[in-house]
């Protein structure tokens, strides 16, 4: 099995459905799957082998999702790191997880350049890095089938918040992610018509597992915001396209102070809270 099969299935059954919407730009399932294929085959050409670690340290975007599934399609392990880590925190986690390559933003390039070689980090994929994402995709092929992996092999690693000590790497298996995504999609009665708002970071279990993977499994659409913005949240709700909303309790407390909240909910049918 391979959890990237969920993306492939959604691209097969609903190729023209929007998978990701952000800042007025839309990516269909066919486009997202093709980009993931190009990333997977590009990584393989660069010498990435099944089971090896490949890092992501960037904000939520369609590129992040394509890279995540590209890594996993290639049989490698996606190490998802927060884009807000300090230089010292980043050094500790990179030295601990030892990714061969890192997908990141220009904001983190200088910090990651200092970690190359000694930590095992070989290439940095970002504008101004060893190569950018477009160059990687141009190396690959748009046609590719995710490599089959054992159910209990690692698919991703994310790190705990480190509020009581050093962050700990949590190893997520293909079976574990698949089961969790199915459980969420079933309990939320998710369909291809759903649109889920996500401003929670994909490096966190809430964003990566509960929202992103479950939405991709059910062929829904991820509406992305770079961070929580009350005005933008209300604007998207009132647009009538949003059906699912996920947030921490403090966000709901703020929403409940709005006297006319019910008029702003649009088509919203499901809300979930966790912290």
Protein backbone atom coordinates (compact mmCIF):
# COMPACT_ATOMS: atom_id res chain seq x y z
CA UNK A 1 0.00 0.00 0.00
CA UNK A 2 0.93 3.67 -0.20
CA UNK A 3 -1.10 6.55 1.22
CA UNK A 4 -0.43 8.48 -1.99
CA UNK A 5 -2.86 6.01 -3.60
CA UNK A 6 -5.58 8.18 -2.03
CA UNK A 7 -4.46 11.13 -4.16
CA UNK A 8 -4.25 8.90 -7.23
CA UNK A 9 -7.80 7.63 -6.67
CA UNK A 10 -9.19 11.15 -6.29
CA UNK A 11 -7.36 12.22 -9.47
CA UNK A 12 -8.83 9.22 -11.31
CA UNK A 13 -12.45 9.67 -10.22
CA UNK A 14 -12.57 13.48 -9.96
CA UNK A 15 -9.75 14.82 -12.17
CA UNK A 16 -11.32 18.24 -12.72
CA UNK A 17 -12.48 18.81 -9.15
CA UNK A 18 -10.53 21.46 -7.22
CA UNK A 19 -8.10 19.89 -4.77
CA UNK A 20 -6.53 23.11 -3.46
CA UNK A 21 -7.66 26.72 -3.56
CA UNK A 22 -5.44 29.54 -2.31
CA UNK A 23 -5.42 33.28 -2.96
CA UNK A 24 -7.67 32.97 -5.99
CA UNK A 25 -5.60 30.18 -7.56
CA UNK A 26 -7.05 26.68 -8.01
CA UNK A 27 -5.32 23.33 -8.48
CA UNK A 28 -7.36 20.37 -9.70
CA UNK A 29 -6.80 16.78 -8.60
CA UNK A 30 -5.36 15.89 -12.00
CA UNK A 31 -2.89 18.77 -11.76
CA UNK A 32 -1.94 17.99 -8.16
CA UNK A 33 -1.34 14.32 -8.94
CA UNK A 34 0.73 15.12 -12.04
CA UNK A 35 2.90 17.52 -10.04
CA UNK A 36 3.37 14.90 -7.32
CA UNK A 37 4.38 12.40 -10.03
CA UNK A 38 6.95 14.81 -11.44
CA UNK A 39 8.36 15.45 -7.97
CA UNK A 40 8.50 11.72 -7.18
CA UNK A 41 10.31 10.82 -10.39
CA UNK A 42 12.56 13.86 -10.07
CA UNK A 43 13.57 12.78 -6.57
CA UNK A 44 14.26 9.25 -7.80
CA UNK A 45 16.51 10.65 -10.55
CA UNK A 46 18.36 12.59 -7.86
CA UNK A 47 19.11 9.31 -6.12
CA UNK A 48 16.47 9.28 -3.39
CA UNK A 49 15.72 5.69 -2.33
CA UNK A 50 12.69 4.19 -0.55
CA UNK A 51 12.89 4.68 3.21
CA UNK A 52 15.18 7.72 3.02
CA UNK A 53 14.14 10.97 4.68
CA UNK A 54 13.19 14.08 2.69
CA UNK A 55 12.28 17.26 4.56
CA UNK A 56 9.63 19.95 4.16
CA UNK A 57 10.04 23.24 6.01
CA UNK A 58 7.60 25.72 4.50
CA UNK A 59 4.18 27.29 4.92
CA UNK A 60 1.00 25.61 3.68
CA UNK A 61 0.56 25.71 -0.09
CA UNK A 62 -0.39 23.57 -3.07
CA UNK A 63 3.37 23.10 -3.63
CA UNK A 64 3.73 21.74 -0.08
CA UNK A 65 0.99 19.17 -0.70
CA UNK A 66 2.42 18.15 -4.08
CA UNK A 67 5.90 17.75 -2.58
CA UNK A 68 4.58 15.76 0.41
CA UNK A 69 2.82 13.26 -1.83
CA UNK A 70 5.73 13.24 -4.28
CA UNK A 71 8.10 12.17 -1.50
CA UNK A 72 5.70 9.46 -0.36
CA UNK A 73 5.00 8.25 -3.92
CA UNK A 74 8.76 7.71 -4.29
CA UNK A 75 8.68 5.48 -1.20
CA UNK A 76 10.63 7.99 0.87
CA UNK A 77 9.62 9.44 4.25
CA UNK A 78 8.31 13.02 4.46
CA UNK A 79 9.85 14.83 7.46
CA UNK A 80 7.54 17.79 8.08
CA UNK A 81 9.07 20.70 10.00
CA UNK A 82 7.53 23.97 11.12
CA UNK A 83 8.36 27.00 8.99
CA UNK A 84 8.55 29.09 12.18
CA UNK A 85 11.42 27.17 13.82
CA UNK A 86 14.35 29.22 15.08
CA UNK A 87 17.80 28.55 13.60
CA UNK A 88 18.79 26.56 16.70
CA UNK A 89 15.58 24.49 16.70
CA UNK A 90 15.96 23.81 12.99
CA UNK A 91 19.55 22.67 13.51
CA UNK A 92 18.51 20.22 16.23
CA UNK A 93 15.66 18.67 14.22
CA UNK A 94 17.61 18.46 10.95
CA UNK A 95 20.52 16.77 12.72
CA UNK A 96 18.06 14.39 14.38
CA UNK A 97 15.98 13.46 11.32
CA UNK A 98 18.83 13.63 8.77
CA UNK A 99 16.87 14.40 5.59
CA UNK A 100 18.77 13.97 2.32
CA UNK A 101 16.97 16.91 0.71
CA UNK A 102 14.85 19.78 1.99
CA UNK A 103 11.96 21.64 0.36
CA UNK A 104 11.77 25.11 1.87
CA UNK A 105 11.29 28.84 1.28
CA UNK A 106 13.86 31.57 0.67
CA UNK A 107 13.32 32.74 4.25
CA UNK A 108 14.93 29.53 5.57
CA UNK A 109 17.60 29.11 2.89
CA UNK A 110 20.51 30.74 4.75
CA UNK A 111 19.85 28.74 7.93
CA UNK A 112 19.62 25.46 6.04
CA UNK A 113 22.72 26.16 3.95
CA UNK A 114 24.72 26.15 7.19
CA UNK A 115 23.42 22.66 8.01
CA UNK A 116 24.39 21.00 4.74
CA UNK A 117 26.88 18.13 4.63
CA UNK A 118 27.52 17.86 8.39
CA UNK A 119 23.88 16.84 9.03
CA UNK A 120 23.65 14.71 5.90
CA UNK A 121 21.53 17.33 4.14
CA UNK A 122 22.69 17.37 0.53
CA UNK A 123 20.35 19.53 -1.54
CA UNK A 124 17.97 22.39 -0.77
CA UNK A 125 14.98 22.84 -3.05
CA UNK A 126 13.79 26.45 -3.17
CA UNK A 127 14.33 29.63 -5.20
CA UNK A 128 18.03 30.44 -4.84
CA UNK A 129 18.83 26.96 -3.53
CA UNK A 130 20.50 24.06 -5.32
CA UNK A 131 17.44 23.88 -7.55
CA UNK A 132 13.90 25.20 -7.39
CA UNK A 133 10.70 23.18 -7.49
CA UNK A 134 10.07 23.80 -11.19
CA UNK A 135 13.54 22.49 -12.04
CA UNK A 136 12.89 19.37 -9.98
CA UNK A 137 9.54 18.78 -11.70
CA UNK A 138 11.10 19.29 -15.13
CA UNK A 139 13.46 16.41 -14.33
CA UNK A 140 10.53 14.08 -13.74
CA UNK A 141 7.60 12.51 -15.54
CA UNK A 142 3.90 13.34 -15.20
CA UNK A 143 3.03 9.65 -15.32
CA UNK A 144 3.95 7.51 -12.31
CA UNK A 145 2.37 5.00 -9.96
CA UNK A 146 3.20 5.30 -6.25
CA UNK A 147 5.69 2.66 -5.13
CA UNK A 148 4.17 -0.11 -3.05
CA UNK A 149 5.25 -0.07 0.59
CA UNK A 150 4.64 -2.36 3.54
CA UNK A 151 1.68 -1.22 5.63
CA UNK A 152 3.81 -0.59 8.71
CA UNK A 153 6.63 1.23 6.97
CA UNK A 154 7.07 4.92 7.70
CA UNK A 155 5.36 7.44 5.44
CA UNK A 156 5.97 10.62 7.43
CA UNK A 157 7.61 12.01 10.54
CA UNK A 158 6.32 15.04 12.40
CA UNK A 159 7.62 16.58 15.59
CA UNK A 160 5.86 17.32 18.86
CA UNK A 161 5.62 20.92 20.04
CA UNK A 162 8.41 20.56 22.59
CA UNK A 163 6.52 22.46 25.29
CA UNK A 164 7.89 20.20 28.05
CA UNK A 165 11.31 19.41 26.56
CA UNK A 166 12.96 18.71 23.24
CA UNK A 167 10.52 17.96 20.36
CA UNK A 168 10.17 14.26 19.67
CA UNK A 169 9.88 12.73 16.22
CA UNK A 170 6.60 10.86 15.74
CA UNK A 171 6.76 8.16 13.07
CA UNK A 172 3.56 7.76 11.05
CA UNK A 173 3.06 4.60 9.01
CA UNK A 174 1.16 4.21 5.75
CA UNK A 175 -1.38 2.06 7.57
CA UNK A 176 -1.75 4.52 10.46
CA UNK A 177 -2.30 7.57 8.24
CA UNK A 178 -4.69 5.66 5.98
CA UNK A 179 -6.75 4.36 8.92
CA UNK A 180 -6.89 7.80 10.57
CA UNK A 181 -7.94 9.52 7.34
CA UNK A 182 -10.66 6.92 6.75
CA UNK A 183 -11.94 7.30 10.32
CA UNK A 184 -12.15 11.09 9.98
CA UNK A 185 -13.78 10.99 6.55
CA UNK A 186 -16.34 8.43 7.74
CA UNK A 187 -17.24 10.24 10.96
CA UNK A 188 -17.55 13.59 9.16
CA UNK A 189 -19.52 12.05 6.26
CA UNK A 190 -17.07 13.69 3.89
CA UNK A 191 -17.74 13.83 0.14
CA UNK A 192 -16.19 15.26 -3.01
CA UNK A 193 -18.49 18.28 -2.59
CA UNK A 194 -16.91 19.39 0.69
CA UNK A 195 -14.66 22.43 1.00
CA UNK A 196 -12.50 22.48 4.14
CA UNK A 197 -10.78 25.62 5.37
CA UNK A 198 -7.24 25.07 6.65
CA UNK A 199 -5.06 27.70 8.29
CA UNK A 200 -3.48 25.19 10.69
CA UNK A 201 0.08 24.20 9.68
CA UNK A 202 0.57 20.95 7.78
CA UNK A 203 3.57 20.06 9.94
CA UNK A 204 1.10 19.62 12.84
CA UNK A 205 -0.96 16.45 13.23
CA UNK A 206 -4.25 18.40 13.13
CA UNK A 207 -3.47 20.03 9.80
CA UNK A 208 -1.64 17.11 8.18
CA UNK A 209 -3.74 14.17 9.31
CA UNK A 210 -7.20 15.35 10.26
CA UNK A 211 -7.62 18.02 7.60
CA UNK A 212 -5.26 17.44 4.66
CA UNK A 213 -5.07 13.66 4.37
CA UNK A 214 -8.76 13.11 5.16
CA UNK A 215 -9.81 15.74 2.61
CA UNK A 216 -7.60 14.26 -0.12
CA UNK A 217 -8.98 10.79 0.66
CA UNK A 218 -12.58 12.01 0.28
CA UNK A 219 -11.76 14.04 -2.87
CA UNK A 220 -12.80 17.33 -1.27
CA UNK A 221 -11.22 20.75 -1.67
CA UNK A 222 -8.71 22.37 0.69
CA UNK A 223 -9.13 26.12 0.97
CA UNK A 224 -5.81 27.39 2.34
CA UNK A 225 -4.91 30.44 4.38
CA UNK A 226 -1.27 31.08 5.40
CA UNK A 227 -2.39 31.77 8.99
CA UNK A 228 -5.50 32.63 10.98
CA UNK A 229 -7.10 35.87 9.82
CA UNK A 230 -10.58 36.55 11.21
CA UNK A 231 -11.60 38.86 8.36
CA UNK A 232 -10.54 36.33 5.70
CA UNK A 233 -12.20 33.46 7.58
CA UNK A 234 -15.51 35.34 7.71
CA UNK A 235 -15.16 36.38 4.06
CA UNK A 236 -14.68 32.76 2.96
CA UNK A 237 -17.56 31.57 5.14
CA UNK A 238 -19.89 34.19 3.71
CA UNK A 239 -18.87 33.28 0.16
CA UNK A 240 -21.01 30.15 0.52
CA UNK A 241 -18.36 27.71 -0.73
CA UNK A 242 -17.10 26.53 2.68
CA UNK A 243 -18.68 23.39 4.23
CA UNK A 244 -16.15 22.38 6.93
CA UNK A 245 -14.25 24.40 9.51
CA UNK A 246 -11.43 23.35 11.84
CA UNK A 247 -9.90 25.46 14.60
CA UNK A 248 -8.57 25.54 18.15
CA UNK A 249 -10.96 26.57 20.98
CA UNK A 250 -9.72 30.17 21.19
CA UNK A 251 -10.82 30.76 17.58
CA UNK A 252 -14.33 29.54 18.36
CA UNK A 253 -14.42 31.81 21.40
CA UNK A 254 -13.67 34.77 19.15
CA UNK A 255 -16.30 33.72 16.62
CA UNK A 256 -18.94 33.38 19.34
CA UNK A 257 -18.50 37.03 20.31
CA UNK A 258 -19.94 38.05 16.93
CA UNK A 259 -23.58 38.96 17.32
CA UNK A 260 -24.52 38.14 13.72
CA UNK A 261 -22.42 34.98 13.39
CA UNK A 262 -25.29 32.78 12.22
CA UNK A 263 -25.83 35.03 9.19
CA UNK A 264 -22.18 34.64 8.19
CA UNK A 265 -21.94 30.85 8.17
CA UNK A 266 -22.98 30.35 4.55
CA UNK A 267 -23.14 26.60 3.69
CA UNK A 268 -21.02 25.57 6.67
CA UNK A 269 -22.27 22.17 7.89
CA UNK A 270 -19.50 20.87 10.12
CA UNK A 271 -17.14 22.35 12.73
CA UNK A 272 -14.42 20.56 14.67
CA UNK A 273 -12.19 21.69 17.51
CA UNK A 274 -8.95 20.31 18.93
CA UNK A 275 -5.89 21.68 20.69
